[in-house]
Amino acid sequence: RERSELRPWFAELAAFDVVANNADRKAGHVLFDGSRCWAIDNGLCFHEEEKLRTVIWEFAGLDVEEDLLEHVNAFAHGETGRVGSWLSPAELHHAQERARGLVENALYPHPDEDSDWPPYPWPLI
């Protein structure tokens, strides 16, 4: 957050987490090697049930950049690359639905405080 040059990278990661339905984006799952960031993920992504839990909520309500929306839209409409072959048909369907929702709204979502799932993973790190 202190390094403004990393903001576009975190914006992309936040969009990925929405589409992937990441249920476990903790601060410790982002590594910085001094020149670039690395997102570390686990098996808590791409679930059919909505479970988005992340520590990257500072983009909530902000516009998603147009060039990023183009990539998300391509995924939503079938350009799934390798990830499409790694997901079950149901997981892929729901990921594409989330991608379409992100494109249609063109805004990063707000945390769903009324969900059965808290919007933040625990522990945070």
C-alpha atoms as a PDB file:
ATOM      1  CA  ARG A   1       0.000   0.000   0.000  1.00  0.00           C
ATOM      2  CA  GLU A   2       2.885   2.316   0.696  1.00  0.00           C
ATOM      3  CA  ARG A   3       4.343   1.758  -2.775  1.00  0.00           C
ATOM      4  CA  SER A   4       2.102   3.391  -5.364  1.00  0.00           C
ATOM      5  CA  GLU A   5       3.911   1.652  -8.234  1.00  0.00           C
ATOM      6  CA  LEU A   6       2.489  -1.663  -6.974  1.00  0.00           C
ATOM      7  CA  ARG A   7      -1.114  -0.434  -7.007  1.00  0.00           C
ATOM      8  CA  PRO A   8      -1.861  -1.699 -10.566  1.00  0.00           C
ATOM      9  CA  TRP A   9      -0.551  -5.137  -9.620  1.00  0.00           C
ATOM     10  CA  PHE A  10      -2.781  -5.243  -6.545  1.00  0.00           C
ATOM     11  CA  ALA A  11      -5.749  -4.070  -8.642  1.00  0.00           C
ATOM     12  CA  GLU A  12      -5.192  -7.048 -10.955  1.00  0.00           C
ATOM     13  CA  LEU A  13      -4.874  -9.374  -7.977  1.00  0.00           C
ATOM     14  CA  ALA A  14      -8.099  -8.017  -6.482  1.00  0.00           C
ATOM     15  CA  ALA A  15      -9.895  -8.679  -9.789  1.00  0.00           C
ATOM     16  CA  PHE A  16      -8.411 -12.180  -9.932  1.00  0.00           C
ATOM     17  CA  ASP A  17      -9.623 -12.862  -6.400  1.00  0.00           C
ATOM     18  CA  VAL A  18     -13.163 -11.823  -7.363  1.00  0.00           C
ATOM     19  CA  VAL A  19     -13.226 -14.099 -10.411  1.00  0.00           C
ATOM     20  CA  ALA A  20     -11.447 -16.952  -8.619  1.00  0.00           C
ATOM     21  CA  ASN A  21     -13.665 -16.546  -5.549  1.00  0.00           C
ATOM     22  CA  ASN A  22     -10.546 -16.649  -3.399  1.00  0.00           C
ATOM     23  CA  ALA A  23     -11.564 -17.651   0.107  1.00  0.00           C
ATOM     24  CA  ASP A  24      -8.143 -17.159   1.652  1.00  0.00           C
ATOM     25  CA  ARG A  25      -6.249 -14.054   0.432  1.00  0.00           C
ATOM     26  CA  LYS A  26      -4.148 -13.217   3.471  1.00  0.00           C
ATOM     27  CA  ALA A  27      -1.426 -10.609   3.730  1.00  0.00           C
ATOM     28  CA  GLY A  28       1.134 -13.394   4.011  1.00  0.00           C
ATOM     29  CA  HIS A  29      -0.017 -14.786   0.660  1.00  0.00           C
ATOM     30  CA  VAL A  30       1.584 -11.871  -1.169  1.00  0.00           C
ATOM     31  CA  LEU A  31       5.362 -11.926  -1.282  1.00  0.00           C
ATOM     32  CA  PHE A  32       7.584  -9.043  -2.370  1.00  0.00           C
ATOM     33  CA  ASP A  33      11.130  -9.783  -3.512  1.00  0.00           C
ATOM     34  CA  GLY A  34      12.236  -6.161  -3.745  1.00  0.00           C
ATOM     35  CA  SER A  35      11.226  -5.711  -7.358  1.00  0.00           C
ATOM     36  CA  ARG A  36       7.954  -7.557  -7.883  1.00  0.00           C
ATOM     37  CA  CYS A  37       5.104  -9.192  -6.026  1.00  0.00           C
ATOM     38  CA  TRP A  38       4.154 -12.837  -6.071  1.00  0.00           C
ATOM     39  CA  ALA A  39       0.668 -14.078  -5.220  1.00  0.00           C
ATOM     40  CA  ILE A  40       0.657 -17.379  -3.381  1.00  0.00           C
ATOM     41  CA  ASP A  41      -2.609 -19.267  -3.591  1.00  0.00           C
ATOM     42  CA  ASN A  42      -3.928 -22.564  -2.412  1.00  0.00           C
ATOM     43  CA  GLY A  43      -6.899 -24.795  -3.002  1.00  0.00           C
ATOM     44  CA  LEU A  44      -9.402 -22.302  -1.602  1.00  0.00           C
ATOM     45  CA  CYS A  45     -10.176 -20.750  -4.977  1.00  0.00           C
ATOM     46  CA  PHE A  46     -12.782 -21.323  -7.685  1.00  0.00           C
ATOM     47  CA  HIS A  47     -15.407 -22.806  -5.375  1.00  0.00           C
ATOM     48  CA  GLU A  48     -18.951 -22.830  -6.731  1.00  0.00           C
ATOM     49  CA  GLU A  49     -20.338 -21.317  -3.505  1.00  0.00           C
ATOM     50  CA  GLU A  50     -19.582 -17.616  -2.972  1.00  0.00           C
ATOM     51  CA  LYS A  51     -16.800 -17.411  -0.391  1.00  0.00           C
ATOM     52  CA  LEU A  52     -14.743 -14.336  -1.293  1.00  0.00           C
ATOM     53  CA  ARG A  53     -12.531 -13.572   1.698  1.00  0.00           C
ATOM     54  CA  THR A  54      -9.607 -11.244   1.205  1.00  0.00           C
ATOM     55  CA  VAL A  55      -7.514  -8.573   2.860  1.00  0.00           C
ATOM     56  CA  ILE A  56      -7.520  -6.553  -0.391  1.00  0.00           C
ATOM     57  CA  TRP A  57     -10.742  -4.554   0.013  1.00  0.00           C
ATOM     58  CA  GLU A  58      -9.292  -1.083  -0.572  1.00  0.00           C
ATOM     59  CA  PHE A  59     -10.465  -1.221  -4.203  1.00  0.00           C
ATOM     60  CA  ALA A  60     -14.113  -1.809  -3.184  1.00  0.00           C
ATOM     61  CA  GLY A  61     -16.413   0.504  -5.104  1.00  0.00           C
ATOM     62  CA  LEU A  62     -13.664   1.739  -7.428  1.00  0.00           C
ATOM     63  CA  ASP A  63     -13.721   1.422 -11.204  1.00  0.00           C
ATOM     64  CA  VAL A  64     -11.939  -1.555 -12.719  1.00  0.00           C
ATOM     65  CA  GLU A  65      -9.454  -0.351 -15.343  1.00  0.00           C
ATOM     66  CA  GLU A  66     -10.704  -0.742 -18.915  1.00  0.00           C
ATOM     67  CA  ASP A  67      -7.757  -2.860 -20.093  1.00  0.00           C
ATOM     68  CA  LEU A  68      -8.256  -5.235 -17.168  1.00  0.00           C
ATOM     69  CA  LEU A  69     -11.979  -5.450 -17.938  1.00  0.00           C
ATOM     70  CA  GLU A  70     -11.090  -6.505 -21.488  1.00  0.00           C
ATOM     71  CA  HIS A  71      -9.094  -9.468 -20.153  1.00  0.00           C
ATOM     72  CA  VAL A  72     -11.808 -10.399 -17.674  1.00  0.00           C
ATOM     73  CA  ASN A  73     -14.432 -10.146 -20.417  1.00  0.00           C
ATOM     74  CA  ALA A  74     -12.404 -12.442 -22.674  1.00  0.00           C
ATOM     75  CA  PHE A  75     -12.272 -15.021 -19.873  1.00  0.00           C
ATOM     76  CA  ALA A  76     -15.994 -14.602 -19.244  1.00  0.00           C
ATOM     77  CA  HIS A  77     -16.727 -15.395 -22.873  1.00  0.00           C
ATOM     78  CA  GLY A  78     -14.578 -18.462 -23.347  1.00  0.00           C
ATOM     79  CA  GLU A  79     -10.926 -17.437 -23.555  1.00  0.00           C
ATOM     80  CA  THR A  80     -10.033 -19.384 -20.439  1.00  0.00           C
ATOM     81  CA  GLY A  81      -6.499 -20.438 -21.318  1.00  0.00           C
ATOM     82  CA  ARG A  82      -4.972 -23.237 -19.287  1.00  0.00           C
ATOM     83  CA  VAL A  83      -7.031 -22.468 -16.204  1.00  0.00           C
ATOM     84  CA  GLY A  84     -10.160 -23.598 -18.039  1.00  0.00           C
ATOM     85  CA  SER A  85      -8.748 -27.105 -18.362  1.00  0.00           C
ATOM     86  CA  TRP A  86      -7.853 -27.266 -14.670  1.00  0.00           C
ATOM     87  CA  LEU A  87     -11.354 -26.489 -13.389  1.00  0.00           C
ATOM     88  CA  SER A  88     -14.421 -28.663 -13.243  1.00  0.00           C
ATOM     89  CA  PRO A  89     -17.232 -27.581 -15.568  1.00  0.00           C
ATOM     90  CA  ALA A  90     -19.158 -26.175 -12.580  1.00  0.00           C
ATOM     91  CA  GLU A  91     -16.129 -24.275 -11.230  1.00  0.00           C
ATOM     92  CA  LEU A  92     -15.451 -22.792 -14.662  1.00  0.00           C
ATOM     93  CA  HIS A  93     -19.096 -21.837 -15.127  1.00  0.00           C
ATOM     94  CA  HIS A  94     -19.198 -19.991 -11.800  1.00  0.00           C
ATOM     95  CA  ALA A  95     -15.848 -18.282 -12.418  1.00  0.00           C
ATOM     96  CA  GLN A  96     -17.126 -17.041 -15.774  1.00  0.00           C
ATOM     97  CA  GLU A  97     -20.351 -15.859 -14.111  1.00  0.00           C
ATOM     98  CA  ARG A  98     -18.302 -13.881 -11.580  1.00  0.00           C
ATOM     99  CA  ALA A  99     -16.198 -12.490 -14.432  1.00  0.00           C
ATOM    100  CA  ARG A 100     -19.334 -11.379 -16.290  1.00  0.00           C
ATOM    101  CA  GLY A 101     -20.587  -9.705 -13.115  1.00  0.00           C
ATOM    102  CA  LEU A 102     -17.316  -7.846 -12.683  1.00  0.00           C
ATOM    103  CA  VAL A 103     -17.451  -6.663 -16.301  1.00  0.00           C
ATOM    104  CA  GLU A 104     -21.114  -5.645 -16.099  1.00  0.00           C
ATOM    105  CA  ASN A 105     -20.603  -3.630 -12.922  1.00  0.00           C
ATOM    106  CA  ALA A 106     -17.129  -2.388 -13.901  1.00  0.00           C
ATOM    107  CA  LEU A 107     -16.567  -1.830 -10.176  1.00  0.00           C
ATOM    108  CA  TYR A 108     -14.732  -3.818  -7.554  1.00  0.00           C
ATOM    109  CA  PRO A 109     -17.335  -5.294  -5.202  1.00  0.00           C
ATOM    110  CA  HIS A 110     -17.825  -4.313  -1.591  1.00  0.00           C
ATOM    111  CA  PRO A 111     -17.462  -6.930   1.130  1.00  0.00           C
ATOM    112  CA  ASP A 112     -20.690  -8.811   1.773  1.00  0.00           C
ATOM    113  CA  GLU A 113     -21.092  -8.254   5.496  1.00  0.00           C
ATOM    114  CA  ASP A 114     -24.392 -10.200   5.498  1.00  0.00           C
ATOM    115  CA  SER A 115     -22.934 -13.395   4.060  1.00  0.00           C
ATOM    116  CA  ASP A 116     -22.607 -16.601   6.038  1.00  0.00           C
ATOM    117  CA  TRP A 117     -18.877 -16.226   5.349  1.00  0.00           C
ATOM    118  CA  PRO A 118     -16.936 -13.318   6.848  1.00  0.00           C
ATOM    119  CA  PRO A 119     -15.336 -11.106   4.160  1.00  0.00           C
ATOM    120  CA  TYR A 120     -11.891 -11.416   5.761  1.00  0.00           C
ATOM    121  CA  PRO A 121      -9.824 -14.594   6.165  1.00  0.00           C
ATOM    122  CA  TRP A 122      -8.671 -15.593   9.617  1.00  0.00           C
ATOM    123  CA  PRO A 123      -5.996 -15.231  10.714  1.00  0.00           C
ATOM    124  CA  LEU A 124      -5.255 -12.176   8.564  1.00  0.00           C
ATOM    125  CA  ILE A 125      -1.635 -13.182   7.958  1.00  0.00           C
END
